[in-house]
Amino acid sequence: MKMLEKLRKAKPYELQLWMLGAGLLSFGFGAVFAGYLQNLAWLIVLIGAVIHGWAMYKIYLCEHKSKK
């Protein structure tokens, strides 16, 4: 199954959370290295990683349910 077809089977909120998590993760790493918001940087990275990981897990489950 192609990647785009797999993503189409995911629920819209799962895809939005996946993108939000990736964005927060990227923003957090940027904040760590840029020097701005350093006090919040690792918290932002952690929140982004958790949201992104949870959304990817839900997409993974959705893919494997469709194979059965």
C-alpha atoms as a PDB file:
ATOM      1  CA  MET A   1       0.000   0.000   0.000  1.00  0.00           C
ATOM      2  CA  LYS A   2       1.343   3.408  -0.914  1.00  0.00           C
ATOM      3  CA  MET A   3       2.105   5.924   1.830  1.00  0.00           C
ATOM      4  CA  LEU A   4      -0.527   8.424   0.661  1.00  0.00           C
ATOM      5  CA  GLU A   5      -3.211   5.726   0.707  1.00  0.00           C
ATOM      6  CA  LYS A   6      -2.192   4.779   4.239  1.00  0.00           C
ATOM      7  CA  LEU A   7      -2.455   8.390   5.372  1.00  0.00           C
ATOM      8  CA  ARG A   8      -5.903   8.736   3.795  1.00  0.00           C
ATOM      9  CA  LYS A   9      -7.179   5.992   6.098  1.00  0.00           C
ATOM     10  CA  ALA A  10      -6.131   7.935   9.184  1.00  0.00           C
ATOM     11  CA  LYS A  11      -8.739  10.092  10.867  1.00  0.00           C
ATOM     12  CA  PRO A  12      -8.417  13.833  10.190  1.00  0.00           C
ATOM     13  CA  TYR A  13      -7.738  14.685  13.832  1.00  0.00           C
ATOM     14  CA  GLU A  14      -4.927  12.096  13.932  1.00  0.00           C
ATOM     15  CA  LEU A  15      -3.277  13.716  10.925  1.00  0.00           C
ATOM     16  CA  GLN A  16      -3.698  17.163  12.458  1.00  0.00           C
ATOM     17  CA  LEU A  17      -2.147  16.001  15.724  1.00  0.00           C
ATOM     18  CA  TRP A  18       0.665  14.349  13.786  1.00  0.00           C
ATOM     19  CA  MET A  19       1.403  17.633  12.038  1.00  0.00           C
ATOM     20  CA  LEU A  20       1.024  19.662  15.236  1.00  0.00           C
ATOM     21  CA  GLY A  21       3.435  17.359  17.068  1.00  0.00           C
ATOM     22  CA  ALA A  22       5.976  17.554  14.259  1.00  0.00           C
ATOM     23  CA  GLY A  23       5.659  21.328  14.174  1.00  0.00           C
ATOM     24  CA  LEU A  24       6.073  21.706  17.928  1.00  0.00           C
ATOM     25  CA  LEU A  25       9.021  19.333  17.875  1.00  0.00           C
ATOM     26  CA  SER A  26      10.690  21.388  15.154  1.00  0.00           C
ATOM     27  CA  PHE A  27       9.893  24.657  16.888  1.00  0.00           C
ATOM     28  CA  GLY A  28      11.280  23.292  20.141  1.00  0.00           C
ATOM     29  CA  PHE A  29      14.559  22.263  18.558  1.00  0.00           C
ATOM     30  CA  GLY A  30      14.761  25.669  16.898  1.00  0.00           C
ATOM     31  CA  ALA A  31      14.211  27.358  20.241  1.00  0.00           C
ATOM     32  CA  VAL A  32      16.939  25.250  21.854  1.00  0.00           C
ATOM     33  CA  PHE A  33      19.525  26.227  19.278  1.00  0.00           C
ATOM     34  CA  ALA A  34      18.418  29.818  18.669  1.00  0.00           C
ATOM     35  CA  GLY A  35      18.685  30.886  22.268  1.00  0.00           C
ATOM     36  CA  TYR A  36      15.175  32.320  22.341  1.00  0.00           C
ATOM     37  CA  LEU A  37      12.709  30.794  24.782  1.00  0.00           C
ATOM     38  CA  GLN A  38      15.441  28.543  26.178  1.00  0.00           C
ATOM     39  CA  ASN A  39      13.554  28.166  29.431  1.00  0.00           C
ATOM     40  CA  LEU A  40      10.625  26.591  27.578  1.00  0.00           C
ATOM     41  CA  ALA A  41      12.514  24.852  24.779  1.00  0.00           C
ATOM     42  CA  TRP A  42      12.790  21.366  26.264  1.00  0.00           C
ATOM     43  CA  LEU A  43       9.178  21.487  27.398  1.00  0.00           C
ATOM     44  CA  ILE A  44       8.121  22.364  23.849  1.00  0.00           C
ATOM     45  CA  VAL A  45      10.260  19.526  22.455  1.00  0.00           C
ATOM     46  CA  LEU A  46       8.764  17.069  24.947  1.00  0.00           C
ATOM     47  CA  ILE A  47       5.182  18.120  24.212  1.00  0.00           C
ATOM     48  CA  GLY A  48       5.817  17.953  20.472  1.00  0.00           C
ATOM     49  CA  ALA A  49       7.405  14.498  20.727  1.00  0.00           C
ATOM     50  CA  VAL A  50       4.508  13.155  22.801  1.00  0.00           C
ATOM     51  CA  ILE A  51       1.823  14.532  20.474  1.00  0.00           C
ATOM     52  CA  HIS A  52       3.655  13.419  17.347  1.00  0.00           C
ATOM     53  CA  GLY A  53       4.371   9.969  18.778  1.00  0.00           C
ATOM     54  CA  TRP A  54       0.778   9.432  19.877  1.00  0.00           C
ATOM     55  CA  ALA A  55      -0.571  10.462  16.470  1.00  0.00           C
ATOM     56  CA  MET A  56       1.904   8.198  14.650  1.00  0.00           C
ATOM     57  CA  TYR A  57       0.893   5.316  16.929  1.00  0.00           C
ATOM     58  CA  LYS A  58      -2.790   5.892  16.090  1.00  0.00           C
ATOM     59  CA  ILE A  59      -1.969   5.967  12.361  1.00  0.00           C
ATOM     60  CA  TYR A  60       0.060   2.747  12.776  1.00  0.00           C
ATOM     61  CA  LEU A  61      -2.892   1.049  14.480  1.00  0.00           C
ATOM     62  CA  CYS A  62      -5.245   2.214  11.770  1.00  0.00           C
ATOM     63  CA  GLU A  63      -2.975   0.778   9.077  1.00  0.00           C
ATOM     64  CA  HIS A  64      -2.704  -2.596  10.753  1.00  0.00           C
ATOM     65  CA  LYS A  65      -6.433  -2.876  11.409  1.00  0.00           C
ATOM     66  CA  SER A  66      -7.084  -2.327   7.709  1.00  0.00           C
ATOM     67  CA  LYS A  67      -4.725  -5.190   6.799  1.00  0.00           C
ATOM     68  CA  LYS A  68      -6.649  -7.721   8.872  1.00  0.00           C
END
